[in-house]
Amino acid sequence: MKFRVDRDVLADAVAWTARSIPSRPGTLPQLSGIKLSTGPDGLTLSGFDYETSAQVTIPTDVADDGQVLVSGRLLADIARALPQQPVDVALDGAKLALTCASSRFSLQTMPVEDYPALPEMPATAGSV
């Protein structure tokens, strides 16, 4: 997994997704994470606490597809503190590396296969 994204877009998407993760995940620590997935549509961020789910897809320059699960609160704090430069993100073994200008961060990943599947959205009933 490797991609480049605008700092403001990333910070807004992470902050919005982080609102759906529980502050105390209890016996399921993976619920404290945000799942990052890259694909042809860009970067998709997902958060879930078995009651509320959040998922957003943002445009990115994706070099390598993949998915990873990292601490949501930590990622939100880091994204908010980054300078106003493009952010390079790459999976390096069991760590997610974020590089922005002279700032470098390395986040420990969690097993993505332990993350629960988000519920499907219901069919559209109408439009306004």
N, C-alpha and C. Protein backbone atom coordinates (compact mmCIF):
# COMPACT_ATOMS: atom_id res chain seq x y z
N MET A 1 0.85 -1.17 0.00
CA MET A 1 0.00 0.00 0.00
C MET A 1 0.89 1.23 0.00
N LYS A 2 0.62 2.13 -0.95
CA LYS A 2 1.40 3.36 -1.05
C LYS A 2 0.55 4.39 -1.79
N PHE A 3 0.45 5.60 -1.19
CA PHE A 3 -0.33 6.65 -1.84
C PHE A 3 0.11 8.03 -1.36
N ARG A 4 -0.32 9.05 -2.10
CA ARG A 4 -0.08 10.46 -1.74
C ARG A 4 -1.43 11.16 -1.71
N VAL A 5 -1.62 11.99 -0.68
CA VAL A 5 -2.90 12.66 -0.49
C VAL A 5 -2.67 14.07 0.05
N ASP A 6 -3.59 14.97 -0.25
CA ASP A 6 -3.55 16.32 0.28
C ASP A 6 -3.77 16.29 1.79
N ARG A 7 -3.01 17.04 2.55
CA ARG A 7 -3.07 17.02 4.01
C ARG A 7 -4.45 17.41 4.53
N ASP A 8 -5.06 18.48 4.00
CA ASP A 8 -6.37 18.93 4.49
C ASP A 8 -7.46 17.90 4.22
N VAL A 9 -7.42 17.29 3.05
CA VAL A 9 -8.41 16.27 2.71
C VAL A 9 -8.27 15.07 3.64
N LEU A 10 -7.03 14.65 3.89
CA LEU A 10 -6.78 13.53 4.79
C LEU A 10 -7.23 13.87 6.21
N ALA A 11 -6.86 15.03 6.72
CA ALA A 11 -7.21 15.42 8.09
C ALA A 11 -8.73 15.47 8.27
N ASP A 12 -9.45 16.03 7.31
CA ASP A 12 -10.91 16.10 7.41
C ASP A 12 -11.54 14.71 7.38
N ALA A 13 -11.07 13.86 6.48
CA ALA A 13 -11.63 12.51 6.36
C ALA A 13 -11.34 11.68 7.61
N VAL A 14 -10.14 11.78 8.15
CA VAL A 14 -9.79 11.04 9.36
C VAL A 14 -10.60 11.54 10.54
N ALA A 15 -10.73 12.86 10.69
CA ALA A 15 -11.50 13.42 11.80
C ALA A 15 -12.96 12.98 11.73
N TRP A 16 -13.54 12.99 10.52
CA TRP A 16 -14.94 12.59 10.36
C TRP A 16 -15.11 11.11 10.68
N THR A 17 -14.21 10.28 10.20
CA THR A 17 -14.30 8.84 10.45
C THR A 17 -14.05 8.51 11.92
N ALA A 18 -13.13 9.22 12.55
CA ALA A 18 -12.77 8.95 13.95
C ALA A 18 -13.94 9.20 14.90
N ARG A 19 -14.92 10.00 14.48
CA ARG A 19 -16.09 10.25 15.35
C ARG A 19 -16.91 8.99 15.57
N SER A 20 -16.79 8.01 14.69
CA SER A 20 -17.59 6.79 14.82
C SER A 20 -16.89 5.69 15.60
N ILE A 21 -15.63 5.90 15.98
CA ILE A 21 -14.94 4.85 16.72
C ILE A 21 -15.12 5.09 18.22
N PRO A 22 -15.28 4.02 18.99
CA PRO A 22 -15.52 4.17 20.43
C PRO A 22 -14.29 4.67 21.17
N SER A 23 -14.53 5.48 22.21
CA SER A 23 -13.40 5.96 23.01
C SER A 23 -12.83 4.85 23.88
N ARG A 24 -13.69 3.87 24.24
CA ARG A 24 -13.26 2.70 25.01
C ARG A 24 -13.74 1.45 24.28
N PRO A 25 -12.87 0.85 23.50
CA PRO A 25 -13.30 -0.29 22.68
C PRO A 25 -13.58 -1.56 23.46
N GLY A 26 -13.28 -1.59 24.75
CA GLY A 26 -13.55 -2.77 25.56
C GLY A 26 -12.69 -3.95 25.15
N THR A 27 -13.35 -5.08 24.92
CA THR A 27 -12.63 -6.31 24.61
C THR A 27 -12.24 -6.44 23.14
N LEU A 28 -12.64 -5.48 22.32
CA LEU A 28 -12.32 -5.53 20.88
C LEU A 28 -11.45 -4.34 20.50
N PRO A 29 -10.13 -4.43 20.71
CA PRO A 29 -9.27 -3.28 20.42
C PRO A 29 -9.27 -2.86 18.96
N GLN A 30 -9.61 -3.76 18.04
CA GLN A 30 -9.63 -3.40 16.63
C GLN A 30 -10.71 -2.35 16.33
N LEU A 31 -11.73 -2.21 17.20
CA LEU A 31 -12.75 -1.19 16.98
C LEU A 31 -12.21 0.21 17.21
N SER A 32 -11.05 0.34 17.85
CA SER A 32 -10.44 1.66 18.05
C SER A 32 -9.68 2.10 16.80
N GLY A 33 -9.68 1.27 15.78
CA GLY A 33 -8.91 1.56 14.58
C GLY A 33 -9.74 2.14 13.45
N ILE A 34 -9.02 2.74 12.52
CA ILE A 34 -9.60 3.18 11.25
C ILE A 34 -8.96 2.30 10.17
N LYS A 35 -9.82 1.73 9.34
CA LYS A 35 -9.34 0.88 8.24
C LYS A 35 -9.11 1.76 7.02
N LEU A 36 -7.91 1.70 6.48
CA LEU A 36 -7.55 2.42 5.27
C LEU A 36 -7.45 1.42 4.13
N SER A 37 -8.17 1.67 3.04
CA SER A 37 -8.14 0.79 1.87
C SER A 37 -7.92 1.65 0.63
N THR A 38 -6.99 1.23 -0.21
CA THR A 38 -6.77 1.95 -1.46
C THR A 38 -7.23 1.10 -2.63
N GLY A 39 -7.71 1.78 -3.65
CA GLY A 39 -8.20 1.11 -4.84
C GLY A 39 -8.34 2.10 -5.97
N PRO A 40 -9.05 1.73 -7.03
CA PRO A 40 -9.19 2.62 -8.18
C PRO A 40 -9.95 3.91 -7.88
N ASP A 41 -10.81 3.89 -6.84
CA ASP A 41 -11.58 5.09 -6.49
C ASP A 41 -10.80 6.03 -5.59
N GLY A 42 -9.66 5.60 -5.06
CA GLY A 42 -8.87 6.42 -4.15
C GLY A 42 -8.69 5.73 -2.81
N LEU A 43 -8.69 6.52 -1.75
CA LEU A 43 -8.51 6.03 -0.39
C LEU A 43 -9.86 5.98 0.32
N THR A 44 -10.20 4.83 0.88
CA THR A 44 -11.43 4.68 1.66
C THR A 44 -11.06 4.50 3.12
N LEU A 45 -11.66 5.33 3.98
CA LEU A 45 -11.45 5.24 5.42
C LEU A 45 -12.74 4.74 6.05
N SER A 46 -12.63 3.76 6.96
CA SER A 46 -13.81 3.15 7.58
C SER A 46 -13.64 3.10 9.08
N GLY A 47 -14.73 3.41 9.79
CA GLY A 47 -14.78 3.29 11.24
C GLY A 47 -16.09 2.63 11.63
N PHE A 48 -16.08 1.85 12.73
CA PHE A 48 -17.27 1.08 13.09
C PHE A 48 -17.22 0.74 14.57
N ASP A 49 -18.37 0.86 15.26
CA ASP A 49 -18.43 0.47 16.67
C ASP A 49 -19.61 -0.47 16.95
N TYR A 50 -20.09 -1.16 15.97
CA TYR A 50 -21.24 -2.08 16.01
C TYR A 50 -22.58 -1.36 16.17
N GLU A 51 -22.58 -0.03 16.32
CA GLU A 51 -23.82 0.74 16.33
C GLU A 51 -23.80 1.77 15.21
N THR A 52 -22.66 2.43 15.06
CA THR A 52 -22.51 3.48 14.07
C THR A 52 -21.33 3.15 13.18
N SER A 53 -21.51 3.35 11.89
CA SER A 53 -20.38 3.16 10.98
C SER A 53 -20.18 4.42 10.16
N ALA A 54 -18.96 4.64 9.75
CA ALA A 54 -18.62 5.77 8.89
C ALA A 54 -17.65 5.28 7.84
N GLN A 55 -17.90 5.72 6.62
CA GLN A 55 -17.02 5.34 5.52
C GLN A 55 -16.97 6.50 4.54
N VAL A 56 -15.77 6.89 4.16
CA VAL A 56 -15.60 7.99 3.22
C VAL A 56 -14.48 7.61 2.24
N THR A 57 -14.66 7.98 0.98
CA THR A 57 -13.64 7.76 -0.04
C THR A 57 -13.16 9.11 -0.54
N ILE A 58 -11.85 9.29 -0.55
CA ILE A 58 -11.26 10.55 -0.98
C ILE A 58 -10.30 10.30 -2.15
N PRO A 59 -10.14 11.31 -3.02
CA PRO A 59 -9.22 11.14 -4.15
C PRO A 59 -7.77 11.15 -3.68
N THR A 60 -7.00 10.22 -4.18
CA THR A 60 -5.57 10.13 -3.86
C THR A 60 -4.81 9.65 -5.08
N ASP A 61 -3.51 9.85 -5.04
CA ASP A 61 -2.62 9.28 -6.05
C ASP A 61 -2.13 7.95 -5.50
N VAL A 62 -2.76 6.86 -5.93
CA VAL A 62 -2.44 5.53 -5.41
C VAL A 62 -1.34 4.90 -6.26
N ALA A 63 -0.25 4.51 -5.60
CA ALA A 63 0.83 3.80 -6.28
C ALA A 63 0.67 2.29 -6.14
N ASP A 64 0.27 1.83 -4.95
CA ASP A 64 0.05 0.41 -4.68
C ASP A 64 -1.23 0.25 -3.87
N ASP A 65 -2.11 -0.67 -4.31
CA ASP A 65 -3.33 -0.95 -3.57
C ASP A 65 -3.02 -1.74 -2.31
N GLY A 66 -3.94 -1.67 -1.36
CA GLY A 66 -3.80 -2.44 -0.13
C GLY A 66 -4.77 -1.96 0.92
N GLN A 67 -4.68 -2.56 2.10
CA GLN A 67 -5.51 -2.13 3.21
C GLN A 67 -4.75 -2.35 4.51
N VAL A 68 -5.07 -1.51 5.49
CA VAL A 68 -4.37 -1.55 6.77
C VAL A 68 -5.31 -1.01 7.84
N LEU A 69 -5.09 -1.43 9.08
CA LEU A 69 -5.87 -0.97 10.22
C LEU A 69 -4.91 -0.33 11.21
N VAL A 70 -5.17 0.95 11.55
CA VAL A 70 -4.31 1.68 12.49
C VAL A 70 -5.17 2.38 13.54
N SER A 71 -4.55 2.79 14.63
CA SER A 71 -5.25 3.50 15.70
C SER A 71 -5.90 4.77 15.16
N GLY A 72 -7.21 4.87 15.33
CA GLY A 72 -7.95 6.01 14.81
C GLY A 72 -7.62 7.31 15.49
N ARG A 73 -7.57 7.31 16.81
CA ARG A 73 -7.27 8.55 17.56
C ARG A 73 -5.86 9.04 17.25
N LEU A 74 -4.90 8.14 17.21
CA LEU A 74 -3.53 8.52 16.92
C LEU A 74 -3.41 9.09 15.51
N LEU A 75 -4.04 8.43 14.54
CA LEU A 75 -4.01 8.92 13.16
C LEU A 75 -4.66 10.29 13.06
N ALA A 76 -5.77 10.52 13.77
CA ALA A 76 -6.44 11.82 13.76
C ALA A 76 -5.54 12.90 14.34
N ASP A 77 -4.86 12.61 15.45
CA ASP A 77 -3.95 13.58 16.06
C ASP A 77 -2.79 13.92 15.13
N ILE A 78 -2.23 12.91 14.50
CA ILE A 78 -1.11 13.13 13.58
C ILE A 78 -1.55 13.92 12.36
N ALA A 79 -2.66 13.54 11.75
CA ALA A 79 -3.14 14.21 10.53
C ALA A 79 -3.42 15.69 10.80
N ARG A 80 -3.97 15.99 11.96
CA ARG A 80 -4.29 17.37 12.32
C ARG A 80 -3.01 18.20 12.52
N ALA A 81 -1.92 17.58 12.98
CA ALA A 81 -0.69 18.30 13.29
C ALA A 81 0.28 18.42 12.12
N LEU A 82 0.00 17.76 11.01
CA LEU A 82 0.92 17.78 9.86
C LEU A 82 0.97 19.16 9.22
N PRO A 83 2.11 19.53 8.62
CA PRO A 83 2.19 20.81 7.91
C PRO A 83 1.36 20.78 6.62
N GLN A 84 1.13 21.94 6.05
CA GLN A 84 0.31 22.08 4.85
C GLN A 84 1.08 21.66 3.60
N GLN A 85 1.36 20.37 3.50
CA GLN A 85 2.09 19.78 2.38
C GLN A 85 1.41 18.46 2.02
N PRO A 86 1.65 17.93 0.82
CA PRO A 86 1.12 16.59 0.51
C PRO A 86 1.70 15.55 1.46
N VAL A 87 0.90 14.53 1.76
CA VAL A 87 1.29 13.48 2.69
C VAL A 87 1.54 12.20 1.90
N ASP A 88 2.71 11.60 2.09
CA ASP A 88 3.04 10.31 1.50
C ASP A 88 2.83 9.24 2.55
N VAL A 89 2.06 8.21 2.20
CA VAL A 89 1.75 7.13 3.13
C VAL A 89 2.17 5.82 2.48
N ALA A 90 2.89 4.99 3.24
CA ALA A 90 3.35 3.70 2.71
C ALA A 90 3.34 2.66 3.82
N LEU A 91 2.93 1.46 3.47
CA LEU A 91 2.98 0.34 4.40
C LEU A 91 4.37 -0.26 4.33
N ASP A 92 5.04 -0.32 5.48
CA ASP A 92 6.40 -0.85 5.57
C ASP A 92 6.40 -1.98 6.58
N GLY A 93 6.16 -3.19 6.11
CA GLY A 93 6.07 -4.34 7.01
C GLY A 93 4.82 -4.23 7.88
N ALA A 94 5.02 -4.18 9.20
CA ALA A 94 3.90 -4.07 10.13
C ALA A 94 3.68 -2.64 10.60
N LYS A 95 4.27 -1.68 9.90
CA LYS A 95 4.15 -0.27 10.27
C LYS A 95 3.65 0.54 9.08
N LEU A 96 2.87 1.58 9.38
CA LEU A 96 2.41 2.52 8.36
C LEU A 96 3.23 3.78 8.51
N ALA A 97 3.96 4.15 7.47
CA ALA A 97 4.83 5.33 7.50
C ALA A 97 4.12 6.51 6.85
N LEU A 98 4.05 7.63 7.58
CA LEU A 98 3.50 8.88 7.07
C LEU A 98 4.63 9.89 6.98
N THR A 99 4.79 10.50 5.80
CA THR A 99 5.83 11.49 5.59
C THR A 99 5.20 12.74 5.00
N CYS A 100 5.47 13.88 5.63
CA CYS A 100 4.93 15.16 5.16
C CYS A 100 5.99 16.22 5.42
N ALA A 101 6.58 16.74 4.35
CA ALA A 101 7.69 17.70 4.46
C ALA A 101 8.79 17.04 5.30
N SER A 102 9.19 17.66 6.41
CA SER A 102 10.25 17.08 7.24
C SER A 102 9.69 16.21 8.37
N SER A 103 8.36 16.08 8.46
CA SER A 103 7.73 15.26 9.50
C SER A 103 7.64 13.81 9.05
N ARG A 104 7.97 12.90 9.97
CA ARG A 104 7.87 11.46 9.68
C ARG A 104 7.27 10.77 10.88
N PHE A 105 6.27 9.93 10.63
CA PHE A 105 5.62 9.17 11.68
C PHE A 105 5.52 7.72 11.26
N SER A 106 5.58 6.82 12.23
CA SER A 106 5.45 5.39 11.98
C SER A 106 4.40 4.85 12.95
N LEU A 107 3.31 4.31 12.41
CA LEU A 107 2.22 3.79 13.23
C LEU A 107 2.20 2.28 13.18
N GLN A 108 2.03 1.68 14.34
CA GLN A 108 1.88 0.23 14.43
C GLN A 108 0.53 -0.16 13.82
N THR A 109 0.50 -1.21 13.04
CA THR A 109 -0.75 -1.67 12.44
C THR A 109 -1.37 -2.76 13.30
N MET A 110 -2.67 -2.98 13.09
CA MET A 110 -3.40 -4.06 13.74
C MET A 110 -3.83 -5.04 12.65
N PRO A 111 -4.15 -6.28 13.01
CA PRO A 111 -4.57 -7.25 11.98
C PRO A 111 -5.89 -6.82 11.32
N VAL A 112 -5.84 -6.52 10.04
CA VAL A 112 -7.02 -6.04 9.33
C VAL A 112 -8.09 -7.12 9.21
N GLU A 113 -7.68 -8.39 9.24
CA GLU A 113 -8.66 -9.47 9.12
C GLU A 113 -9.54 -9.59 10.37
N ASP A 114 -9.12 -8.99 11.49
CA ASP A 114 -9.93 -9.00 12.71
C ASP A 114 -10.98 -7.90 12.72
N TYR A 115 -10.91 -6.98 11.76
CA TYR A 115 -11.85 -5.85 11.72
C TYR A 115 -13.20 -6.33 11.19
N PRO A 116 -14.30 -5.97 11.86
CA PRO A 116 -15.61 -6.45 11.40
C PRO A 116 -16.02 -5.79 10.08
N ALA A 117 -16.80 -6.51 9.31
CA ALA A 117 -17.32 -5.97 8.05
C ALA A 117 -18.39 -4.93 8.35
N LEU A 118 -18.35 -3.82 7.63
CA LEU A 118 -19.36 -2.80 7.81
C LEU A 118 -20.68 -3.29 7.24
N PRO A 119 -21.80 -2.90 7.86
CA PRO A 119 -23.10 -3.32 7.33
C PRO A 119 -23.36 -2.66 5.98
N GLU A 120 -24.14 -3.34 5.16
CA GLU A 120 -24.50 -2.80 3.86
C GLU A 120 -25.52 -1.68 4.03
N MET A 121 -25.42 -0.68 3.19
CA MET A 121 -26.39 0.41 3.21
C MET A 121 -27.71 -0.09 2.64
N PRO A 122 -28.84 0.36 3.22
CA PRO A 122 -30.13 -0.06 2.67
C PRO A 122 -30.35 0.54 1.28
N ALA A 123 -31.25 -0.06 0.53
CA ALA A 123 -31.56 0.43 -0.81
C ALA A 123 -32.19 1.82 -0.72
N THR A 124 -31.99 2.63 -1.74
CA THR A 124 -32.55 3.97 -1.77
C THR A 124 -34.07 3.87 -1.86
N ALA A 125 -34.74 4.56 -0.95
CA ALA A 125 -36.20 4.53 -0.91
C ALA A 125 -36.81 5.71 -1.66
N GLY A 126 -36.04 6.74 -1.89
CA GLY A 126 -36.53 7.92 -2.59
C GLY A 126 -35.44 8.96 -2.65
N SER A 127 -35.74 10.08 -3.24
CA SER A 127 -34.77 11.16 -3.30
C SER A 127 -35.49 12.49 -3.19
N VAL A 128 -34.76 13.48 -2.75
CA VAL A 128 -35.34 14.82 -2.56
C VAL A 128 -34.66 15.77 -3.50
